[in-house]
């Protein structure tokens, strides 16, 4: 047994039970949920097993990431104070930033080798598989949205899609490794068949969300991955062409749907028309709150307040601006946005270097999968808010934490 067995188990449990953020309650009038309680218990377990927190050493090892996170937190805090929405603002800071950062801190400090990284990846993948199975049960019970999209127990189909999309990238990695290790006897290929079946289930659930942006972002993230690998330019071009054809083929299956027709015809009530109106309103809000933003949790009220500058909105209930970058700028000010951009660019740059230095195909595939997930979040984030939610924040910081361990630890 290794030194941090109990903490690792709690990390695995927290990652696996990420969707339980939906079960909310209050402790001494403070709103919380099952996921937050699990992560706090995980942190306590870590401290008890180590006898210390080790903040100074952590800062020395991960100075750039710590500074980026501090910029984000400072931006959020300043924006909250200036806009005086203390209860909602600090609640969001706690649930969508502090708690995920605590889990990321514990993950970085408990991972000892590549197997630990693999285990966390497997746990998240299994969680997504279970969510997909539950989603298909909703399908069989005909429990769908008014426009026949699958959302399962999430608030919307897009929320389900954003949770499942990273698992698609991990599932394709599993399948690729299984094919490379292919052996003829059935029993020796059981992992390959499990990978194939689980990926099919997750892919079907994702497909049934009809989240075009998620589909496109996944495929485009693989195109970007092709261009940062060591394969020659002709193979990069071939991979990219195949992926684009795949995207077009998936899109072709939707040509007769009302949603697709509204999209290509630029219908005034289509989802893209609604988003354009939200972005226009968000830009106007940003012009008037350029430096410090409007504070976390204030977008809905500001959005309605700015109705007077536009024709009647197509969508009225809009808690987020449907853009990851606008969300950071508006809710954490220019300081928070700078921290976020510095964080992701530094992380991607360092992990790409690590991936190119790796000799083991398995280690390269881990790095590529993690980079692919962040690419997905950033691409889909152009048209949706792929961070500002409990589970999405946990996924984001978990992936960053796993990548950070690859840059400073031996993971053979």
Protein backbone atom coordinates (compact mmCIF):
# COMPACT_ATOMS: atom_id res chain seq x y z
CA UNK A 1 0.00 0.00 0.00
CA UNK A 2 1.28 3.45 -0.89
CA UNK A 3 1.40 6.40 1.45
CA UNK A 4 -1.69 8.17 0.16
CA UNK A 5 -4.02 5.29 -0.56
CA UNK A 6 -7.00 6.77 1.32
CA UNK A 7 -6.62 10.20 -0.26
CA UNK A 8 -6.33 8.67 -3.71
CA UNK A 9 -9.54 6.74 -3.12
CA UNK A 10 -11.27 9.99 -2.17
CA UNK A 11 -9.89 11.67 -5.29
CA UNK A 12 -11.25 8.85 -7.44
CA UNK A 13 -14.61 9.02 -5.67
CA UNK A 14 -14.84 12.80 -6.09
CA UNK A 15 -14.06 12.61 -9.81
CA UNK A 16 -16.47 9.72 -10.34
CA UNK A 17 -19.31 11.42 -8.46
CA UNK A 18 -18.87 14.82 -10.10
CA UNK A 19 -22.52 14.88 -11.33
CA UNK A 20 -23.69 14.79 -7.71
CA UNK A 21 -23.17 18.55 -7.52
CA UNK A 22 -26.83 18.57 -8.54
CA UNK A 23 -27.82 17.34 -5.06
CA UNK A 24 -27.76 20.59 -3.12
CA UNK A 25 -28.46 21.50 0.52
CA UNK A 26 -27.37 23.97 3.19
CA UNK A 27 -25.10 23.63 6.21
CA UNK A 28 -25.56 26.47 8.72
CA UNK A 29 -27.33 28.46 5.98
CA UNK A 30 -24.33 28.02 3.63
CA UNK A 31 -25.33 26.48 0.25
CA UNK A 32 -23.31 23.43 -0.72
CA UNK A 33 -23.70 20.04 -2.40
CA UNK A 34 -22.49 16.45 -2.15
CA UNK A 35 -19.55 17.02 -4.51
CA UNK A 36 -18.19 19.91 -2.45
CA UNK A 37 -18.44 17.87 0.75
CA UNK A 38 -16.55 14.99 -0.90
CA UNK A 39 -13.77 17.33 -2.01
CA UNK A 40 -13.47 18.91 1.43
CA UNK A 41 -13.21 15.41 2.96
CA UNK A 42 -10.55 14.58 0.34
CA UNK A 43 -8.53 17.63 1.36
CA UNK A 44 -8.83 16.76 5.07
CA UNK A 45 -7.66 13.22 4.28
CA UNK A 46 -4.67 14.66 2.42
CA UNK A 47 -3.68 16.90 5.35
CA UNK A 48 -4.08 14.09 7.90
CA UNK A 49 -1.96 11.68 5.84
CA UNK A 50 0.79 14.26 5.22
CA UNK A 51 0.71 16.18 8.47
CA UNK A 52 1.12 19.40 6.47
CA UNK A 53 -0.21 21.20 3.41
CA UNK A 54 3.09 22.12 1.74
CA UNK A 55 1.98 25.37 0.10
CA UNK A 56 5.51 26.81 -0.23
CA UNK A 57 6.94 23.79 -2.05
CA UNK A 58 3.85 23.64 -4.24
CA UNK A 59 4.30 27.30 -5.17
CA UNK A 60 7.96 26.74 -6.05
CA UNK A 61 7.10 23.80 -8.31
CA UNK A 62 4.10 25.38 -10.01
CA UNK A 63 4.73 29.11 -9.74
CA UNK A 64 3.24 30.02 -13.13
CA UNK A 65 0.02 28.07 -12.53
CA UNK A 66 -0.37 29.41 -8.99
CA UNK A 67 0.09 33.01 -10.15
CA UNK A 68 -2.42 32.51 -12.98
CA UNK A 69 -4.97 31.06 -10.55
CA UNK A 70 -4.37 33.96 -8.13
CA UNK A 71 -5.00 36.46 -10.95
CA UNK A 72 -8.31 34.76 -11.67
CA UNK A 73 -9.31 34.74 -7.99
CA UNK A 74 -8.24 38.36 -7.46
CA UNK A 75 -10.18 39.42 -10.56
CA UNK A 76 -13.26 37.61 -9.29
CA UNK A 77 -12.97 39.08 -5.80
CA UNK A 78 -12.47 42.67 -7.04
CA UNK A 79 -15.37 42.36 -9.46
CA UNK A 80 -17.58 40.96 -6.70
CA UNK A 81 -16.72 43.79 -4.28
CA UNK A 82 -17.18 46.51 -6.89
CA UNK A 83 -20.55 45.15 -8.02
CA UNK A 84 -21.65 44.37 -4.43
CA UNK A 85 -23.31 41.04 -5.20
CA UNK A 86 -21.57 39.36 -2.30
CA UNK A 87 -23.72 36.30 -1.60
CA UNK A 88 -23.97 35.09 -5.20
CA UNK A 89 -20.48 36.23 -6.14
CA UNK A 90 -18.62 34.53 -3.33
CA UNK A 91 -20.84 31.47 -3.68
CA UNK A 92 -19.68 31.13 -7.29
CA UNK A 93 -16.05 31.74 -6.31
CA UNK A 94 -16.34 28.97 -3.72
CA UNK A 95 -18.13 26.39 -5.86
CA UNK A 96 -16.63 27.00 -9.29
CA UNK A 97 -13.09 28.03 -8.37
CA UNK A 98 -11.98 27.37 -4.78
CA UNK A 99 -13.39 23.84 -4.56
CA UNK A 100 -12.03 22.72 -7.98
CA UNK A 101 -8.66 24.28 -7.13
CA UNK A 102 -8.56 22.32 -3.85
CA UNK A 103 -9.16 19.09 -5.75
CA UNK A 104 -6.50 20.02 -8.33
CA UNK A 105 -4.02 20.76 -5.51
CA UNK A 106 -4.65 17.36 -3.92
CA UNK A 107 -4.41 15.56 -7.28
CA UNK A 108 -1.02 17.13 -8.08
CA UNK A 109 0.32 16.27 -4.63
CA UNK A 110 -0.93 12.66 -4.57
CA UNK A 111 0.00 11.49 -8.06
CA UNK A 112 3.18 9.42 -7.92
CA UNK A 113 3.37 7.76 -11.33
CA UNK A 114 1.67 7.26 -14.68
CA UNK A 115 -0.66 4.63 -13.23
CA UNK A 116 -2.19 7.24 -10.91
CA UNK A 117 -2.83 9.53 -13.89
CA UNK A 118 -4.38 6.64 -15.80
CA UNK A 119 -6.60 5.75 -12.85
CA UNK A 120 -8.09 9.24 -12.62
CA UNK A 121 -8.68 9.25 -16.38
CA UNK A 122 -10.41 5.86 -16.13
CA UNK A 123 -12.57 7.00 -13.23
CA UNK A 124 -13.82 10.04 -15.13
CA UNK A 125 -14.42 7.95 -18.25
CA UNK A 126 -16.42 5.40 -16.25
CA UNK A 127 -18.45 8.24 -14.72
CA UNK A 128 -19.28 9.54 -18.21
CA UNK A 129 -20.22 6.01 -19.28
CA UNK A 130 -22.64 5.63 -16.36
CA UNK A 131 -24.15 9.05 -17.13
CA UNK A 132 -24.57 7.93 -20.77
CA UNK A 133 -26.31 4.73 -19.72
CA UNK A 134 -28.65 6.74 -17.50
CA UNK A 135 -29.20 9.07 -20.45
CA UNK A 136 -30.26 6.16 -22.66
CA UNK A 137 -32.74 5.09 -19.97
CA UNK A 138 -34.23 8.58 -20.25
CA UNK A 139 -34.40 8.01 -24.01
CA UNK A 140 -36.22 4.68 -23.68
CA UNK A 141 -38.70 6.33 -21.34
CA UNK A 142 -39.14 9.08 -23.95
CA UNK A 143 -38.05 11.64 -21.39
CA UNK A 144 -36.67 14.21 -23.83
CA UNK A 145 -36.85 17.96 -24.30
CA UNK A 146 -39.65 19.56 -26.31
CA UNK A 147 -37.42 19.42 -29.42
CA UNK A 148 -36.59 15.72 -28.83
CA UNK A 149 -33.07 16.22 -27.51
CA UNK A 150 -31.50 14.16 -24.72
CA UNK A 151 -30.58 15.99 -21.52
CA UNK A 152 -30.93 13.19 -18.92
CA UNK A 153 -30.85 14.74 -15.42
CA UNK A 154 -28.93 17.84 -16.54
CA UNK A 155 -30.61 21.22 -17.03
CA UNK A 156 -30.15 21.17 -20.80
CA UNK A 157 -28.87 18.97 -23.65
CA UNK A 158 -25.85 21.26 -24.00
CA UNK A 159 -24.92 20.65 -20.36
CA UNK A 160 -25.00 16.90 -20.95
CA UNK A 161 -22.95 17.30 -24.14
CA UNK A 162 -20.28 19.36 -22.39
CA UNK A 163 -19.93 16.72 -19.68
CA UNK A 164 -19.65 13.82 -22.15
CA UNK A 165 -17.44 15.41 -24.81
CA UNK A 166 -14.12 15.03 -22.93
CA UNK A 167 -14.93 11.33 -22.45
CA UNK A 168 -15.21 10.92 -26.22
CA UNK A 169 -11.61 12.06 -26.56
CA UNK A 170 -10.52 9.66 -23.81
CA UNK A 171 -12.56 6.84 -25.37
CA UNK A 172 -10.92 7.30 -28.77
CA UNK A 173 -7.54 7.15 -27.05
CA UNK A 174 -8.55 3.87 -25.34
CA UNK A 175 -9.71 2.46 -28.65
CA UNK A 176 -6.48 3.50 -30.39
CA UNK A 177 -4.38 1.79 -27.71
CA UNK A 178 -6.56 -1.32 -27.92
CA UNK A 179 -6.16 -1.54 -31.68
CA UNK A 180 -2.38 -1.17 -31.40
CA UNK A 181 -2.31 -4.06 -28.95
CA UNK A 182 -4.76 -6.16 -30.96
CA UNK A 183 -4.46 -9.92 -30.56
CA UNK A 184 -6.61 -12.52 -32.28
CA UNK A 185 -7.90 -14.61 -29.34
CA UNK A 186 -11.18 -13.11 -28.10
CA UNK A 187 -10.34 -13.17 -24.39
CA UNK A 188 -7.06 -11.34 -24.97
CA UNK A 189 -8.96 -8.51 -26.65
CA UNK A 190 -11.61 -8.03 -23.99
CA UNK A 191 -10.31 -4.53 -23.17
CA UNK A 192 -10.62 -3.55 -26.82
CA UNK A 193 -14.24 -4.68 -26.98
CA UNK A 194 -15.07 -2.94 -23.70
CA UNK A 195 -13.50 0.24 -25.08
CA UNK A 196 -15.49 -0.07 -28.29
CA UNK A 197 -18.83 -0.68 -26.53
CA UNK A 198 -18.35 2.06 -23.93
CA UNK A 199 -17.31 4.58 -26.57
CA UNK A 200 -20.35 3.65 -28.66
CA UNK A 201 -22.68 4.22 -25.68
CA UNK A 202 -21.12 7.59 -24.81
CA UNK A 203 -21.09 8.64 -28.48
CA UNK A 204 -24.77 7.73 -28.88
CA UNK A 205 -25.76 9.78 -25.84
CA UNK A 206 -23.70 12.71 -27.07
CA UNK A 207 -25.21 12.42 -30.54
CA UNK A 208 -28.72 12.49 -29.10
CA UNK A 209 -28.05 15.84 -27.45
CA UNK A 210 -27.86 17.25 -30.99
CA UNK A 211 -25.25 19.70 -29.78
CA UNK A 212 -23.68 20.66 -33.09
CA UNK A 213 -21.06 22.80 -31.38
CA UNK A 214 -19.89 19.88 -29.24
CA UNK A 215 -19.61 17.59 -32.28
CA UNK A 216 -17.64 20.18 -34.24
CA UNK A 217 -15.39 21.09 -31.30
CA UNK A 218 -14.40 17.46 -30.70
CA UNK A 219 -13.42 16.92 -34.32
CA UNK A 220 -11.61 20.25 -34.61
CA UNK A 221 -9.66 19.47 -31.43
CA UNK A 222 -8.37 16.30 -33.13
CA UNK A 223 -7.41 18.38 -36.18
CA UNK A 224 -5.35 20.66 -33.92
CA UNK A 225 -3.83 17.63 -32.20
CA UNK A 226 -2.72 16.29 -35.58
CA UNK A 227 -0.77 19.47 -36.21
CA UNK A 228 1.17 19.40 -32.93
CA UNK A 229 2.26 15.77 -33.27
CA UNK A 230 5.48 14.55 -34.88
CA UNK A 231 3.83 12.99 -37.94
CA UNK A 232 4.82 14.44 -41.31
CA UNK A 233 2.84 17.16 -43.06
CA UNK A 234 1.17 14.84 -45.58
CA UNK A 235 -0.19 12.64 -42.79
CA UNK A 236 -1.36 15.72 -40.90
CA UNK A 237 -3.22 16.88 -43.97
CA UNK A 238 -4.72 13.40 -44.50
CA UNK A 239 -5.89 13.15 -40.88
CA UNK A 240 -7.40 16.63 -41.05
CA UNK A 241 -9.25 15.88 -44.29
CA UNK A 242 -10.64 12.63 -42.89
CA UNK A 243 -11.84 14.40 -39.73
CA UNK A 244 -13.48 17.22 -41.70
CA UNK A 245 -15.23 14.64 -43.90
CA UNK A 246 -16.42 12.89 -40.74
CA UNK A 247 -17.82 16.17 -39.42
CA UNK A 248 -19.61 16.81 -42.72
CA UNK A 249 -21.00 13.25 -42.68
CA UNK A 250 -22.38 13.72 -39.17
CA UNK A 251 -23.81 17.06 -40.22
CA UNK A 252 -25.47 15.42 -43.23
CA UNK A 253 -27.54 13.24 -40.90
CA UNK A 254 -29.14 16.45 -39.64
CA UNK A 255 -29.98 18.09 -42.95
CA UNK A 256 -33.69 17.33 -42.62
CA UNK A 257 -33.99 18.49 -39.01
CA UNK A 258 -35.73 21.75 -38.15
CA UNK A 259 -32.77 22.88 -36.06
CA UNK A 260 -30.34 22.40 -38.96
CA UNK A 261 -32.63 24.12 -41.46
CA UNK A 262 -33.08 27.10 -39.13
CA UNK A 263 -29.32 27.27 -38.76
CA UNK A 264 -28.36 27.27 -42.44
CA UNK A 265 -31.26 29.54 -43.38
CA UNK A 266 -30.26 31.97 -40.63
CA UNK A 267 -33.77 31.84 -39.24
CA UNK A 268 -34.41 34.80 -36.97
CA UNK A 269 -35.36 32.46 -34.12
CA UNK A 270 -32.56 29.90 -34.56
CA UNK A 271 -30.04 29.12 -31.82
CA UNK A 272 -27.31 31.00 -33.69
CA UNK A 273 -29.55 34.07 -34.03
CA UNK A 274 -30.23 33.92 -30.31
CA UNK A 275 -26.52 33.64 -29.54
CA UNK A 276 -25.68 36.59 -31.79
CA UNK A 277 -28.16 38.70 -29.88
CA UNK A 278 -26.67 37.54 -26.56
CA UNK A 279 -23.14 38.35 -27.80
CA UNK A 280 -24.24 41.80 -28.95
CA UNK A 281 -25.74 42.48 -25.55
CA UNK A 282 -22.64 41.05 -23.82
CA UNK A 283 -20.38 43.32 -25.89
CA UNK A 284 -22.44 46.37 -24.92
CA UNK A 285 -22.25 45.37 -21.24
CA UNK A 286 -18.50 44.88 -21.61
CA UNK A 287 -18.05 48.34 -23.12
CA UNK A 288 -19.52 49.84 -19.95
CA UNK A 289 -17.63 47.51 -17.57
CA UNK A 290 -14.37 47.02 -19.45
CA UNK A 291 -11.87 46.84 -16.57
CA UNK A 292 -13.59 45.19 -13.62
CA UNK A 293 -16.54 43.42 -15.26
CA UNK A 294 -19.96 42.96 -13.69
CA UNK A 295 -19.10 40.31 -11.10
CA UNK A 296 -19.83 36.57 -11.07
CA UNK A 297 -23.51 35.67 -11.14
CA UNK A 298 -24.69 39.09 -12.36
CA UNK A 299 -25.00 38.40 -16.07
CA UNK A 300 -28.71 37.55 -16.10
CA UNK A 301 -29.70 40.82 -14.42
CA UNK A 302 -27.37 42.91 -16.56
CA UNK A 303 -28.57 41.17 -19.70
CA UNK A 304 -32.17 42.10 -18.92
CA UNK A 305 -31.14 45.62 -17.92
CA UNK A 306 -29.56 46.16 -21.34
CA UNK A 307 -32.69 45.05 -23.21
CA UNK A 308 -33.50 48.73 -23.80
CA UNK A 309 -30.62 48.99 -26.27
CA UNK A 310 -31.86 46.18 -28.54
CA UNK A 311 -34.91 44.79 -30.28
CA UNK A 312 -36.89 42.26 -28.17
CA UNK A 313 -34.68 39.40 -27.05
CA UNK A 314 -35.19 35.93 -28.52
CA UNK A 315 -34.08 34.35 -25.25
CA UNK A 316 -34.71 35.85 -21.83
CA UNK A 317 -33.31 33.33 -19.32
CA UNK A 318 -29.57 33.69 -20.00
CA UNK A 319 -27.37 33.12 -16.92
CA UNK A 320 -24.16 33.06 -19.02
CA UNK A 321 -23.09 34.84 -22.24
CA UNK A 322 -22.63 31.66 -24.32
CA UNK A 323 -18.93 32.37 -24.74
CA UNK A 324 -16.16 31.19 -22.44
CA UNK A 325 -13.95 34.26 -22.95
CA UNK A 326 -16.75 36.80 -22.56
CA UNK A 327 -17.80 34.95 -19.39
CA UNK A 328 -14.34 35.32 -17.85
CA UNK A 329 -13.99 38.95 -18.90
CA UNK A 330 -17.44 39.99 -17.75
CA UNK A 331 -17.38 38.12 -14.44
CA UNK A 332 -13.75 38.43 -13.36
CA UNK A 333 -12.71 41.59 -15.17
CA UNK A 334 -9.64 42.04 -17.31
CA UNK A 335 -7.45 40.76 -14.45
CA UNK A 336 -9.29 37.42 -14.33
CA UNK A 337 -9.31 37.09 -18.12
CA UNK A 338 -5.55 37.72 -18.23
CA UNK A 339 -5.02 35.04 -15.58
CA UNK A 340 -7.16 32.55 -17.51
CA UNK A 341 -5.41 33.19 -20.84
CA UNK A 342 -1.95 32.99 -19.24
CA UNK A 343 -2.95 29.75 -17.50
CA UNK A 344 -4.11 27.90 -20.59
CA UNK A 345 -1.37 29.14 -22.92
CA UNK A 346 1.36 28.23 -20.41
CA UNK A 347 -0.18 24.82 -19.73
CA UNK A 348 -0.61 23.95 -23.41
CA UNK A 349 2.91 25.10 -24.29
CA UNK A 350 4.53 23.09 -21.48
CA UNK A 351 2.49 19.94 -22.10
CA UNK A 352 3.15 20.02 -25.85
CA UNK A 353 6.88 20.14 -25.05
CA UNK A 354 6.47 17.20 -22.68
CA UNK A 355 4.46 15.23 -25.26
CA UNK A 356 7.14 15.71 -27.91
CA UNK A 357 9.89 14.59 -25.52
CA UNK A 358 8.10 11.40 -24.46
CA UNK A 359 9.44 8.14 -25.89
CA UNK A 360 6.64 5.89 -24.69
CA UNK A 361 3.59 5.74 -26.96
CA UNK A 362 1.34 5.44 -23.92
CA UNK A 363 2.80 8.56 -22.30
CA UNK A 364 2.40 10.49 -25.55
CA UNK A 365 -1.22 9.38 -25.81
CA UNK A 366 -1.94 10.59 -22.26
CA UNK A 367 -0.49 14.03 -23.01
CA UNK A 368 -2.33 14.22 -26.33
CA UNK A 369 -5.66 13.25 -24.75
CA UNK A 370 -5.32 15.91 -22.05
CA UNK A 371 -4.36 18.57 -24.60
CA UNK A 372 -7.25 17.45 -26.80
CA UNK A 373 -9.75 17.96 -23.97
CA UNK A 374 -8.49 21.50 -23.33
CA UNK A 375 -8.63 22.21 -27.08
CA UNK A 376 -12.23 21.00 -27.03
CA UNK A 377 -13.11 23.26 -24.09
CA UNK A 378 -11.52 26.27 -25.79
CA UNK A 379 -13.13 25.63 -29.20
CA UNK A 380 -16.60 24.85 -27.90
CA UNK A 381 -16.12 27.83 -25.60
CA UNK A 382 -16.41 30.12 -28.62
CA UNK A 383 -20.17 29.49 -28.72
CA UNK A 384 -20.95 28.15 -25.24
CA UNK A 385 -19.81 28.62 -21.66
CA UNK A 386 -17.71 25.50 -21.15
CA UNK A 387 -16.47 26.35 -17.66
CA UNK A 388 -18.94 28.24 -15.46
CA UNK A 389 -20.68 25.25 -13.88
CA UNK A 390 -19.67 22.93 -11.00
CA UNK A 391 -18.95 19.79 -13.02
CA UNK A 392 -17.29 21.62 -15.91
CA UNK A 393 -15.01 23.48 -13.50
CA UNK A 394 -14.01 20.18 -11.87
CA UNK A 395 -13.23 18.64 -15.27
CA UNK A 396 -11.20 21.69 -16.34
CA UNK A 397 -8.99 21.83 -13.24
CA UNK A 398 -8.63 18.05 -13.05
CA UNK A 399 -7.29 17.96 -16.60
CA UNK A 400 -4.94 20.85 -15.87
CA UNK A 401 -3.74 19.10 -12.70
CA UNK A 402 -3.05 15.85 -14.54
CA UNK A 403 -1.13 17.75 -17.20
CA UNK A 404 0.87 19.61 -14.57
CA UNK A 405 2.01 16.32 -13.03
CA UNK A 406 3.38 15.23 -16.40
CA UNK A 407 5.57 18.33 -16.60
CA UNK A 408 7.38 17.83 -13.30
CA UNK A 409 7.14 14.17 -12.28
CA UNK A 410 8.28 10.84 -13.59
CA UNK A 411 5.22 9.12 -14.99
CA UNK A 412 6.70 5.92 -16.36
